[in-house]
Structures are given as C-alpha cells and as structure tokens.
Amino acid sequence: MAGLPVEFRGHVASVGVAKGAITLPNLLAQVNGGRVPAGGSSGLSDPFEDGVIYPNPGRSRRPNNPKTCHLNAAQSNAHVEHLQDQVDYLAQQVGKEPGLDVARDWKLLTVFIGANNLLTWCGDGTTSEQDADKFERYLDEALAGIQARIPRVLVNLIALFDAPNAVQPFVKRTAECKSE
C-alpha cells in the first residue's frame, strides 16, 4: 500500500545482497570471484509484520522472517534490552544458512543498537545514571552471548549518531540531551 513503510533489507550496508546495491557483501564479492558471502539479507520487509518490536507493552514483538532477513537479525524499534532476542535469532539461523560452515568460516557481525534508547530518553527527559548502567549491562550480556554461541565472529560495534541534533526538529530538547 502506498505510504506504508518498507524496509529494504537487501540494501543494508553491512549485510544486504541486492543486485547493484553498494553493500559490504557485494563489495567482497567483487574481490572474491563474484561469490557473494553467505547470509546476506535480500528483498523487502514490512516493519509492521517482520522483525518488529512494538513500542507499547500491549503488543508483542514479531520475529524476523528468515526467508527475507537471513542473518540480518535487526528489528525495527529495538532497544538495547531487545538485543539478546536478536542474538538468539542469529545463533539459531547461523547453523541453517546454506554455504556457511559455522565452525570454520569467519563471520562479520555488525551491531548498531541504542539509537531508540537515546531517542526515548531525549524525548521524555528521563535519562539517568541507572539507564546508562542498564544499557551497558544489556550490551555486555548480548556480546557475551555472541562470543559463547557463534564461533569465529568479528564484531563491528557501530557508534551512535548525535541523537539530540538528529531529533531536534521532532522533539523538544531536554537538559540531558543538549549537545553544547
């Protein structure tokens, strides 16, 4: 339907394999005799149906669709406390991916999480030291889960963007989110 959001998982820079998309897997294929690395995501997904975490507690999260997402475990609206669910999905799917020898092949995992946490804190002004401690704890637990369950993986932890400046047109800035 026109006007509804769509996620172009095949164009995700770290894992997309859509033909012609400028992505890491497609660039690696250029130097690997045309062989695209296993596990890349492709196609479109509906963020209301596939791999979504609803912000209100009354609705449950919907799992990723492995046919579209493959090893792209990202979920719309996810906060750092949902990262372990993404690790669980990934650990389950990595053994099912055709062409991937889990024990012998090296894997590159990109983790970009926390922007939704920051946006929530910036919007409601409830940032506290406890929030930072919880964030660190959830992230540490997820990274430990990756290390324990997925062999031979390099983790690329992406730094967050400047949330206060990115959301300035949309939400009132609070004292906790001022970037001056």
N, C-alpha and C. Protein backbone atom coordinates (compact mmCIF):
# COMPACT_ATOMS: atom_id res chain seq x y z
N MET A 1 0.84 -1.19 0.00
CA MET A 1 0.00 0.00 0.00
C MET A 1 0.87 1.24 0.00
N ALA A 2 0.45 2.21 -0.73
CA ALA A 2 1.21 3.45 -0.81
C ALA A 2 1.23 4.15 0.55
N GLY A 3 2.39 4.68 0.91
CA GLY A 3 2.52 5.43 2.14
C GLY A 3 2.92 4.60 3.34
N LEU A 4 2.91 3.27 3.24
CA LEU A 4 3.32 2.44 4.36
C LEU A 4 4.83 2.24 4.31
N PRO A 5 5.46 2.15 5.47
CA PRO A 5 6.92 1.99 5.49
C PRO A 5 7.33 0.62 4.97
N VAL A 6 8.47 0.59 4.33
CA VAL A 6 9.06 -0.64 3.82
C VAL A 6 10.54 -0.61 4.17
N GLU A 7 11.07 -1.74 4.58
CA GLU A 7 12.50 -1.84 4.85
C GLU A 7 13.16 -2.56 3.68
N PHE A 8 14.19 -1.95 3.13
CA PHE A 8 14.92 -2.53 2.02
C PHE A 8 16.11 -3.31 2.57
N ARG A 9 15.85 -4.49 3.10
CA ARG A 9 16.89 -5.27 3.76
C ARG A 9 18.02 -5.65 2.81
N GLY A 10 17.74 -5.77 1.54
CA GLY A 10 18.77 -6.09 0.56
C GLY A 10 19.76 -4.96 0.33
N HIS A 11 19.44 -3.76 0.81
CA HIS A 11 20.30 -2.60 0.62
C HIS A 11 21.02 -2.18 1.91
N VAL A 12 20.90 -2.95 2.97
CA VAL A 12 21.57 -2.64 4.23
C VAL A 12 23.08 -2.74 4.02
N ALA A 13 23.80 -1.70 4.34
CA ALA A 13 25.23 -1.60 4.03
C ALA A 13 26.04 -2.78 4.55
N SER A 14 25.74 -3.28 5.73
CA SER A 14 26.57 -4.32 6.34
C SER A 14 26.21 -5.73 5.92
N VAL A 15 24.99 -5.96 5.41
CA VAL A 15 24.57 -7.34 5.16
C VAL A 15 23.70 -7.51 3.91
N GLY A 16 23.34 -6.44 3.24
CA GLY A 16 22.46 -6.54 2.07
C GLY A 16 23.15 -7.15 0.86
N VAL A 17 22.37 -7.91 0.07
CA VAL A 17 22.92 -8.53 -1.13
C VAL A 17 22.09 -8.24 -2.38
N ALA A 18 21.29 -7.17 -2.34
CA ALA A 18 20.51 -6.81 -3.52
C ALA A 18 21.45 -6.49 -4.67
N LYS A 19 21.10 -6.97 -5.85
CA LYS A 19 21.94 -6.75 -7.03
C LYS A 19 22.10 -5.25 -7.28
N GLY A 20 23.34 -4.82 -7.42
CA GLY A 20 23.64 -3.42 -7.70
C GLY A 20 23.73 -2.53 -6.48
N ALA A 21 23.35 -3.02 -5.32
CA ALA A 21 23.42 -2.22 -4.09
C ALA A 21 24.88 -2.12 -3.63
N ILE A 22 25.25 -0.96 -3.11
CA ILE A 22 26.60 -0.77 -2.59
C ILE A 22 26.59 -1.22 -1.14
N THR A 23 26.99 -2.48 -0.94
CA THR A 23 26.99 -3.09 0.38
C THR A 23 28.30 -3.84 0.58
N LEU A 24 28.63 -4.12 1.82
CA LEU A 24 29.86 -4.86 2.12
C LEU A 24 29.87 -6.24 1.46
N PRO A 25 28.80 -7.04 1.55
CA PRO A 25 28.83 -8.34 0.87
C PRO A 25 29.04 -8.22 -0.64
N ASN A 26 28.41 -7.24 -1.27
CA ASN A 26 28.58 -7.08 -2.71
C ASN A 26 30.00 -6.61 -3.05
N LEU A 27 30.59 -5.78 -2.21
CA LEU A 27 31.97 -5.35 -2.45
C LEU A 27 32.93 -6.53 -2.26
N LEU A 28 32.68 -7.37 -1.25
CA LEU A 28 33.52 -8.55 -1.06
C LEU A 28 33.40 -9.50 -2.25
N ALA A 29 32.22 -9.59 -2.83
CA ALA A 29 32.02 -10.46 -3.99
C ALA A 29 32.89 -9.99 -5.16
N GLN A 30 33.13 -8.68 -5.27
CA GLN A 30 33.94 -8.15 -6.35
C GLN A 30 35.39 -8.64 -6.29
N VAL A 31 35.88 -8.90 -5.08
CA VAL A 31 37.26 -9.38 -4.93
C VAL A 31 37.32 -10.88 -4.64
N ASN A 32 36.16 -11.52 -4.67
CA ASN A 32 36.07 -12.95 -4.35
C ASN A 32 35.50 -13.73 -5.53
N GLY A 33 35.83 -13.31 -6.73
CA GLY A 33 35.40 -14.03 -7.91
C GLY A 33 33.89 -14.05 -8.13
N GLY A 34 33.19 -13.06 -7.61
CA GLY A 34 31.74 -12.98 -7.79
C GLY A 34 30.94 -13.75 -6.75
N ARG A 35 31.63 -14.46 -5.85
CA ARG A 35 30.93 -15.23 -4.82
C ARG A 35 30.47 -14.28 -3.70
N VAL A 36 29.16 -14.15 -3.55
CA VAL A 36 28.59 -13.30 -2.50
C VAL A 36 28.65 -14.07 -1.19
N PRO A 37 29.14 -13.45 -0.11
CA PRO A 37 29.20 -14.14 1.17
C PRO A 37 27.83 -14.64 1.62
N ALA A 38 27.82 -15.76 2.32
CA ALA A 38 26.58 -16.37 2.81
C ALA A 38 25.91 -15.47 3.85
N GLY A 39 24.59 -15.57 3.92
CA GLY A 39 23.84 -14.93 5.00
C GLY A 39 23.30 -13.56 4.73
N GLY A 40 23.54 -13.00 3.55
CA GLY A 40 23.08 -11.66 3.26
C GLY A 40 21.57 -11.56 3.16
N SER A 41 21.03 -10.42 3.58
CA SER A 41 19.59 -10.22 3.50
C SER A 41 19.22 -9.70 2.12
N SER A 42 17.99 -9.97 1.75
CA SER A 42 17.54 -9.56 0.43
C SER A 42 16.07 -9.17 0.48
N GLY A 43 15.62 -8.49 -0.54
CA GLY A 43 14.20 -8.18 -0.65
C GLY A 43 13.74 -7.09 0.29
N LEU A 44 12.43 -7.02 0.40
CA LEU A 44 11.77 -6.01 1.21
C LEU A 44 11.13 -6.67 2.41
N SER A 45 10.99 -5.93 3.47
CA SER A 45 10.21 -6.43 4.61
C SER A 45 9.29 -5.32 5.09
N ASP A 46 8.21 -5.73 5.66
CA ASP A 46 7.21 -4.82 6.20
C ASP A 46 7.50 -4.66 7.69
N PRO A 47 7.93 -3.48 8.14
CA PRO A 47 8.29 -3.33 9.54
C PRO A 47 7.11 -3.49 10.50
N PHE A 48 5.89 -3.55 9.97
CA PHE A 48 4.74 -3.82 10.84
C PHE A 48 4.51 -5.32 11.00
N GLU A 49 5.13 -6.12 10.15
CA GLU A 49 4.90 -7.56 10.17
C GLU A 49 6.14 -8.38 10.46
N ASP A 50 7.29 -8.00 9.90
CA ASP A 50 8.52 -8.78 10.02
C ASP A 50 9.53 -8.08 10.90
N GLY A 51 10.01 -8.75 11.92
CA GLY A 51 11.10 -8.22 12.72
C GLY A 51 10.81 -6.88 13.35
N VAL A 52 9.72 -6.78 14.06
CA VAL A 52 9.34 -5.52 14.67
C VAL A 52 9.12 -5.70 16.17
N ILE A 53 9.44 -4.69 16.91
CA ILE A 53 9.15 -4.65 18.34
C ILE A 53 8.24 -3.45 18.54
N TYR A 54 7.03 -3.70 18.94
CA TYR A 54 6.07 -2.62 19.12
C TYR A 54 6.41 -1.84 20.38
N PRO A 55 6.38 -0.51 20.32
CA PRO A 55 6.79 0.29 21.48
C PRO A 55 5.84 0.20 22.66
N ASN A 56 4.56 -0.11 22.43
CA ASN A 56 3.65 -0.19 23.57
C ASN A 56 3.61 -1.62 24.10
N PRO A 57 3.51 -1.79 25.41
CA PRO A 57 3.59 -3.11 26.02
C PRO A 57 2.43 -4.04 25.64
N GLY A 58 1.34 -3.52 25.12
CA GLY A 58 0.19 -4.35 24.79
C GLY A 58 0.38 -5.23 23.58
N ARG A 59 1.39 -4.94 22.75
CA ARG A 59 1.62 -5.74 21.54
C ARG A 59 2.96 -6.44 21.64
N SER A 60 3.01 -7.64 21.16
CA SER A 60 4.25 -8.41 21.25
C SER A 60 5.15 -8.11 20.06
N ARG A 61 6.37 -8.57 20.17
CA ARG A 61 7.30 -8.41 19.06
C ARG A 61 7.00 -9.49 18.02
N ARG A 62 7.29 -9.20 16.79
CA ARG A 62 7.14 -10.17 15.72
C ARG A 62 8.53 -10.62 15.30
N PRO A 63 8.71 -11.91 15.10
CA PRO A 63 10.05 -12.40 14.74
C PRO A 63 10.43 -12.03 13.31
N ASN A 64 11.73 -12.08 13.05
CA ASN A 64 12.22 -11.84 11.70
C ASN A 64 11.78 -12.99 10.80
N ASN A 65 11.60 -12.70 9.53
CA ASN A 65 11.27 -13.71 8.53
C ASN A 65 12.59 -14.20 7.93
N PRO A 66 13.01 -15.43 8.25
CA PRO A 66 14.31 -15.91 7.76
C PRO A 66 14.43 -15.93 6.23
N LYS A 67 13.31 -16.03 5.53
CA LYS A 67 13.36 -16.06 4.06
C LYS A 67 13.83 -14.72 3.49
N THR A 68 13.53 -13.64 4.17
CA THR A 68 13.93 -12.31 3.74
C THR A 68 15.17 -11.83 4.49
N CYS A 69 15.18 -12.04 5.79
CA CYS A 69 16.22 -11.47 6.64
C CYS A 69 17.51 -12.28 6.66
N HIS A 70 17.42 -13.59 6.46
CA HIS A 70 18.57 -14.49 6.55
C HIS A 70 19.30 -14.22 7.87
N LEU A 71 20.52 -13.70 7.81
CA LEU A 71 21.28 -13.45 9.04
C LEU A 71 21.23 -11.99 9.47
N ASN A 72 20.29 -11.23 8.94
CA ASN A 72 20.07 -9.85 9.39
C ASN A 72 19.07 -9.92 10.54
N ALA A 73 19.57 -9.86 11.76
CA ALA A 73 18.72 -10.02 12.94
C ALA A 73 18.14 -8.71 13.45
N ALA A 74 18.41 -7.61 12.78
CA ALA A 74 17.93 -6.31 13.23
C ALA A 74 16.40 -6.28 13.29
N GLN A 75 15.88 -5.55 14.26
CA GLN A 75 14.44 -5.41 14.42
C GLN A 75 14.07 -3.95 14.58
N SER A 76 13.01 -3.56 13.87
CA SER A 76 12.53 -2.18 13.96
C SER A 76 12.09 -1.87 15.38
N ASN A 77 12.39 -0.67 15.84
CA ASN A 77 12.02 -0.17 17.17
C ASN A 77 12.77 -0.85 18.32
N ALA A 78 13.81 -1.61 18.03
CA ALA A 78 14.52 -2.33 19.09
C ALA A 78 15.30 -1.37 19.98
N HIS A 79 15.33 -1.71 21.25
CA HIS A 79 16.16 -1.05 22.25
C HIS A 79 17.24 -2.04 22.66
N VAL A 80 18.22 -1.59 23.39
CA VAL A 80 19.33 -2.47 23.77
C VAL A 80 18.84 -3.67 24.58
N GLU A 81 17.75 -3.52 25.31
CA GLU A 81 17.24 -4.65 26.08
C GLU A 81 16.66 -5.75 25.20
N HIS A 82 16.46 -5.47 23.90
CA HIS A 82 15.98 -6.47 22.95
C HIS A 82 17.13 -7.14 22.19
N LEU A 83 18.34 -6.71 22.41
CA LEU A 83 19.48 -7.22 21.66
C LEU A 83 19.67 -8.71 21.86
N GLN A 84 19.42 -9.21 23.07
CA GLN A 84 19.59 -10.64 23.32
C GLN A 84 18.63 -11.46 22.46
N ASP A 85 17.42 -10.96 22.21
CA ASP A 85 16.49 -11.66 21.30
C ASP A 85 17.08 -11.74 19.89
N GLN A 86 17.75 -10.69 19.47
CA GLN A 86 18.37 -10.69 18.15
C GLN A 86 19.53 -11.68 18.10
N VAL A 87 20.29 -11.76 19.18
CA VAL A 87 21.38 -12.73 19.26
C VAL A 87 20.81 -14.15 19.22
N ASP A 88 19.70 -14.39 19.92
CA ASP A 88 19.06 -15.71 19.90
C ASP A 88 18.65 -16.10 18.48
N TYR A 89 18.02 -15.16 17.77
CA TYR A 89 17.63 -15.41 16.37
C TYR A 89 18.85 -15.74 15.53
N LEU A 90 19.89 -14.93 15.65
CA LEU A 90 21.10 -15.12 14.86
C LEU A 90 21.76 -16.46 15.15
N ALA A 91 21.88 -16.81 16.43
CA ALA A 91 22.51 -18.08 16.80
C ALA A 91 21.72 -19.26 16.24
N GLN A 92 20.41 -19.13 16.21
CA GLN A 92 19.56 -20.19 15.66
C GLN A 92 19.70 -20.27 14.14
N GLN A 93 19.75 -19.13 13.46
CA GLN A 93 19.77 -19.10 12.00
C GLN A 93 21.14 -19.39 11.39
N VAL A 94 22.21 -19.07 12.10
CA VAL A 94 23.54 -19.20 11.51
C VAL A 94 23.84 -20.64 11.11
N GLY A 95 23.34 -21.60 11.85
CA GLY A 95 23.55 -23.01 11.52
C GLY A 95 22.70 -23.49 10.36
N LYS A 96 21.68 -22.74 10.01
CA LYS A 96 20.78 -23.12 8.92
C LYS A 96 21.13 -22.47 7.59
N GLU A 97 22.10 -21.57 7.59
CA GLU A 97 22.41 -20.80 6.39
C GLU A 97 23.20 -21.65 5.39
N PRO A 98 22.65 -21.84 4.18
CA PRO A 98 23.36 -22.63 3.16
C PRO A 98 24.70 -22.00 2.80
N GLY A 99 25.69 -22.83 2.63
CA GLY A 99 27.00 -22.35 2.20
C GLY A 99 27.86 -21.80 3.32
N LEU A 100 27.40 -21.89 4.55
CA LEU A 100 28.16 -21.36 5.68
C LEU A 100 28.57 -22.50 6.59
N ASP A 101 29.86 -22.67 6.76
CA ASP A 101 30.40 -23.65 7.70
C ASP A 101 30.64 -22.90 9.01
N VAL A 102 29.71 -23.06 9.94
CA VAL A 102 29.71 -22.27 11.17
C VAL A 102 31.01 -22.43 11.93
N ALA A 103 31.55 -23.63 12.00
CA ALA A 103 32.75 -23.88 12.79
C ALA A 103 34.01 -23.35 12.12
N ARG A 104 34.06 -23.32 10.79
CA ARG A 104 35.30 -22.96 10.10
C ARG A 104 35.30 -21.58 9.46
N ASP A 105 34.14 -21.09 9.01
CA ASP A 105 34.10 -19.81 8.31
C ASP A 105 34.10 -18.64 9.29
N TRP A 106 34.87 -17.61 8.94
CA TRP A 106 34.82 -16.37 9.71
C TRP A 106 33.56 -15.62 9.34
N LYS A 107 33.00 -14.93 10.31
CA LYS A 107 31.78 -14.16 10.12
C LYS A 107 32.01 -12.74 10.63
N LEU A 108 31.38 -11.77 9.96
CA LEU A 108 31.45 -10.38 10.39
C LEU A 108 30.06 -9.96 10.83
N LEU A 109 29.95 -9.55 12.07
CA LEU A 109 28.67 -9.15 12.65
C LEU A 109 28.72 -7.66 12.99
N THR A 110 27.77 -6.93 12.45
CA THR A 110 27.67 -5.50 12.75
C THR A 110 26.56 -5.28 13.76
N VAL A 111 26.88 -4.60 14.85
CA VAL A 111 25.90 -4.28 15.89
C VAL A 111 25.72 -2.76 15.92
N PHE A 112 24.50 -2.34 15.65
CA PHE A 112 24.14 -0.92 15.73
C PHE A 112 22.87 -0.87 16.57
N ILE A 113 23.00 -0.54 17.83
CA ILE A 113 21.87 -0.58 18.76
C ILE A 113 21.98 0.61 19.71
N GLY A 114 20.85 1.06 20.18
CA GLY A 114 20.84 2.10 21.20
C GLY A 114 20.24 3.41 20.76
N ALA A 115 20.10 3.61 19.46
CA ALA A 115 19.53 4.88 18.98
C ALA A 115 18.11 5.06 19.51
N ASN A 116 17.32 4.00 19.51
CA ASN A 116 15.95 4.11 20.02
C ASN A 116 15.94 4.39 21.53
N ASN A 117 16.91 3.84 22.26
CA ASN A 117 17.03 4.18 23.68
C ASN A 117 17.27 5.68 23.85
N LEU A 118 18.23 6.20 23.09
CA LEU A 118 18.55 7.63 23.20
C LEU A 118 17.37 8.50 22.81
N LEU A 119 16.68 8.13 21.75
CA LEU A 119 15.55 8.92 21.30
C LEU A 119 14.45 8.93 22.35
N THR A 120 14.24 7.80 23.01
CA THR A 120 13.24 7.73 24.08
C THR A 120 13.66 8.62 25.24
N TRP A 121 14.93 8.52 25.64
CA TRP A 121 15.40 9.33 26.76
C TRP A 121 15.36 10.81 26.42
N CYS A 122 15.74 11.16 25.20
CA CYS A 122 15.73 12.57 24.81
C CYS A 122 14.32 13.12 24.74
N GLY A 123 13.38 12.27 24.39
CA GLY A 123 12.00 12.72 24.24
C GLY A 123 11.28 12.92 25.54
N ASP A 124 11.58 12.06 26.54
CA ASP A 124 10.82 12.18 27.78
C ASP A 124 11.63 12.73 28.95
N GLY A 125 12.92 12.95 28.73
CA GLY A 125 13.74 13.58 29.76
C GLY A 125 14.01 12.73 30.98
N THR A 126 13.97 11.39 30.83
CA THR A 126 14.15 10.53 32.00
C THR A 126 15.55 9.91 32.07
N THR A 127 16.49 10.44 31.35
CA THR A 127 17.84 9.88 31.37
C THR A 127 18.40 9.92 32.78
N SER A 128 19.01 8.81 33.17
CA SER A 128 19.62 8.74 34.49
C SER A 128 20.86 7.87 34.41
N GLU A 129 21.63 7.89 35.48
CA GLU A 129 22.81 7.05 35.54
C GLU A 129 22.42 5.57 35.50
N GLN A 130 21.26 5.24 36.06
CA GLN A 130 20.78 3.86 36.03
C GLN A 130 20.51 3.41 34.60
N ASP A 131 20.00 4.31 33.74
CA ASP A 131 19.77 3.96 32.35
C ASP A 131 21.08 3.60 31.66
N ALA A 132 22.12 4.36 31.91
CA ALA A 132 23.42 4.07 31.32
C ALA A 132 23.96 2.74 31.82
N ASP A 133 23.79 2.46 33.11
CA ASP A 133 24.23 1.18 33.67
C ASP A 133 23.47 0.01 33.06
N LYS A 134 22.15 0.17 32.90
CA LYS A 134 21.35 -0.88 32.27
C LYS A 134 21.77 -1.09 30.83
N PHE A 135 21.98 0.00 30.11
CA PHE A 135 22.41 -0.08 28.72
C PHE A 135 23.70 -0.91 28.62
N GLU A 136 24.67 -0.56 29.46
CA GLU A 136 25.95 -1.27 29.46
C GLU A 136 25.76 -2.75 29.79
N ARG A 137 24.93 -3.03 30.78
CA ARG A 137 24.70 -4.42 31.19
C ARG A 137 24.07 -5.23 30.05
N TYR A 138 23.02 -4.69 29.41
CA TYR A 138 22.37 -5.40 28.31
C TYR A 138 23.33 -5.62 27.14
N LEU A 139 24.12 -4.61 26.82
CA LEU A 139 25.07 -4.74 25.73
C LEU A 139 26.14 -5.78 26.06
N ASP A 140 26.68 -5.74 27.27
CA ASP A 140 27.68 -6.73 27.69
C ASP A 140 27.11 -8.15 27.64
N GLU A 141 25.87 -8.33 28.10
CA GLU A 141 25.24 -9.66 28.07
C GLU A 141 25.08 -10.17 26.64
N ALA A 142 24.67 -9.30 25.75
CA ALA A 142 24.50 -9.70 24.35
C ALA A 142 25.84 -10.05 23.71
N LEU A 143 26.86 -9.24 23.96
CA LEU A 143 28.17 -9.52 23.39
C LEU A 143 28.74 -10.83 23.95
N ALA A 144 28.50 -11.10 25.22
CA ALA A 144 28.94 -12.37 25.81
C ALA A 144 28.19 -13.54 25.16
N GLY A 145 26.90 -13.34 24.87
CA GLY A 145 26.12 -14.36 24.19
C GLY A 145 26.64 -14.64 22.80
N ILE A 146 27.04 -13.61 22.09
CA ILE A 146 27.62 -13.79 20.75
C ILE A 146 28.90 -14.59 20.86
N GLN A 147 29.76 -14.21 21.80
CA GLN A 147 31.04 -14.89 21.96
C GLN A 147 30.85 -16.37 22.32
N ALA A 148 29.86 -16.65 23.15
CA ALA A 148 29.64 -18.02 23.61
C ALA A 148 28.96 -18.90 22.56
N ARG A 149 28.14 -18.31 21.69
CA ARG A 149 27.28 -19.12 20.82
C ARG A 149 27.64 -19.10 19.34
N ILE A 150 28.44 -18.14 18.91
CA ILE A 150 28.76 -18.04 17.49
C ILE A 150 30.28 -18.02 17.34
N PRO A 151 30.85 -19.13 16.88
CA PRO A 151 32.32 -19.19 16.76
C PRO A 151 32.84 -18.37 15.59
N ARG A 152 34.09 -17.95 15.72
CA ARG A 152 34.82 -17.26 14.66
C ARG A 152 34.04 -16.07 14.11
N VAL A 153 33.70 -15.15 15.00
CA VAL A 153 32.95 -13.97 14.59
C VAL A 153 33.70 -12.70 15.00
N LEU A 154 33.80 -11.78 14.08
CA LEU A 154 34.33 -10.45 14.38
C LEU A 154 33.13 -9.54 14.56
N VAL A 155 33.13 -8.79 15.66
CA VAL A 155 32.00 -7.92 15.95
C VAL A 155 32.39 -6.47 15.67
N ASN A 156 31.61 -5.84 14.82
CA ASN A 156 31.79 -4.45 14.45
C ASN A 156 30.73 -3.66 15.21
N LEU A 157 31.11 -3.01 16.30
CA LEU A 157 30.17 -2.26 17.13
C LEU A 157 30.15 -0.80 16.64
N ILE A 158 29.02 -0.39 16.06
CA ILE A 158 28.89 0.93 15.46
C ILE A 158 28.53 1.97 16.52
N ALA A 159 29.26 3.08 16.52
CA ALA A 159 28.96 4.17 17.45
C ALA A 159 27.65 4.86 17.03
N LEU A 160 26.95 5.37 18.00
CA LEU A 160 25.68 6.04 17.74
C LEU A 160 25.88 7.43 17.18
N PHE A 161 24.91 7.87 16.43
CA PHE A 161 24.91 9.22 15.88
C PHE A 161 24.55 10.21 16.99
N ASP A 162 24.64 11.48 16.68
CA ASP A 162 24.31 12.53 17.64
C ASP A 162 22.79 12.68 17.71
N ALA A 163 22.18 11.91 18.57
CA ALA A 163 20.71 11.85 18.65
C ALA A 163 20.07 13.22 18.90
N PRO A 164 20.59 14.04 19.80
CA PRO A 164 19.91 15.33 20.03
C PRO A 164 19.79 16.17 18.76
N ASN A 165 20.84 16.22 17.96
CA ASN A 165 20.77 17.01 16.74
C ASN A 165 19.90 16.36 15.68
N ALA A 166 19.86 15.03 15.67
CA ALA A 166 19.04 14.34 14.68
C ALA A 166 17.55 14.48 14.96
N VAL A 167 17.18 14.56 16.23
CA VAL A 167 15.75 14.62 16.56
C VAL A 167 15.27 16.02 16.88
N GLN A 168 16.14 16.99 16.83
CA GLN A 168 15.77 18.36 17.20
C GLN A 168 14.50 18.84 16.52
N PRO A 169 14.31 18.59 15.23
CA PRO A 169 13.08 19.08 14.61
C PRO A 169 11.83 18.34 15.10
N PHE A 170 11.99 17.20 15.76
CA PHE A 170 10.85 16.35 16.09
C PHE A 170 10.44 16.36 17.55
N VAL A 171 11.37 16.55 18.44
CA VAL A 171 11.03 16.52 19.87
C VAL A 171 11.67 17.70 20.58
N LYS A 172 11.08 18.07 21.69
CA LYS A 172 11.65 19.14 22.49
C LYS A 172 12.94 18.64 23.16
N ARG A 173 13.99 19.44 23.05
CA ARG A 173 15.26 19.03 23.67
C ARG A 173 15.20 19.23 25.17
N THR A 174 15.75 18.29 25.88
CA THR A 174 15.79 18.37 27.33
C THR A 174 17.22 18.68 27.78
N ALA A 175 17.37 19.01 29.02
CA ALA A 175 18.69 19.34 29.55
C ALA A 175 19.66 18.18 29.39
N GLU A 176 19.17 16.94 29.54
CA GLU A 176 20.02 15.76 29.43
C GLU A 176 20.53 15.54 28.01
N CYS A 177 19.81 16.07 27.02
CA CYS A 177 20.15 15.79 25.62
C CYS A 177 20.82 16.94 24.91
N LYS A 178 21.08 18.03 25.58
CA LYS A 178 21.75 19.15 24.92
C LYS A 178 23.18 18.73 24.55
N SER A 179 23.58 19.08 23.38
CA SER A 179 24.90 18.66 22.92
C SER A 179 25.93 19.78 22.96
N GLU A 180 25.58 20.92 23.54
CA GLU A 180 26.53 22.03 23.61
C GLU A 180 27.69 21.70 24.48
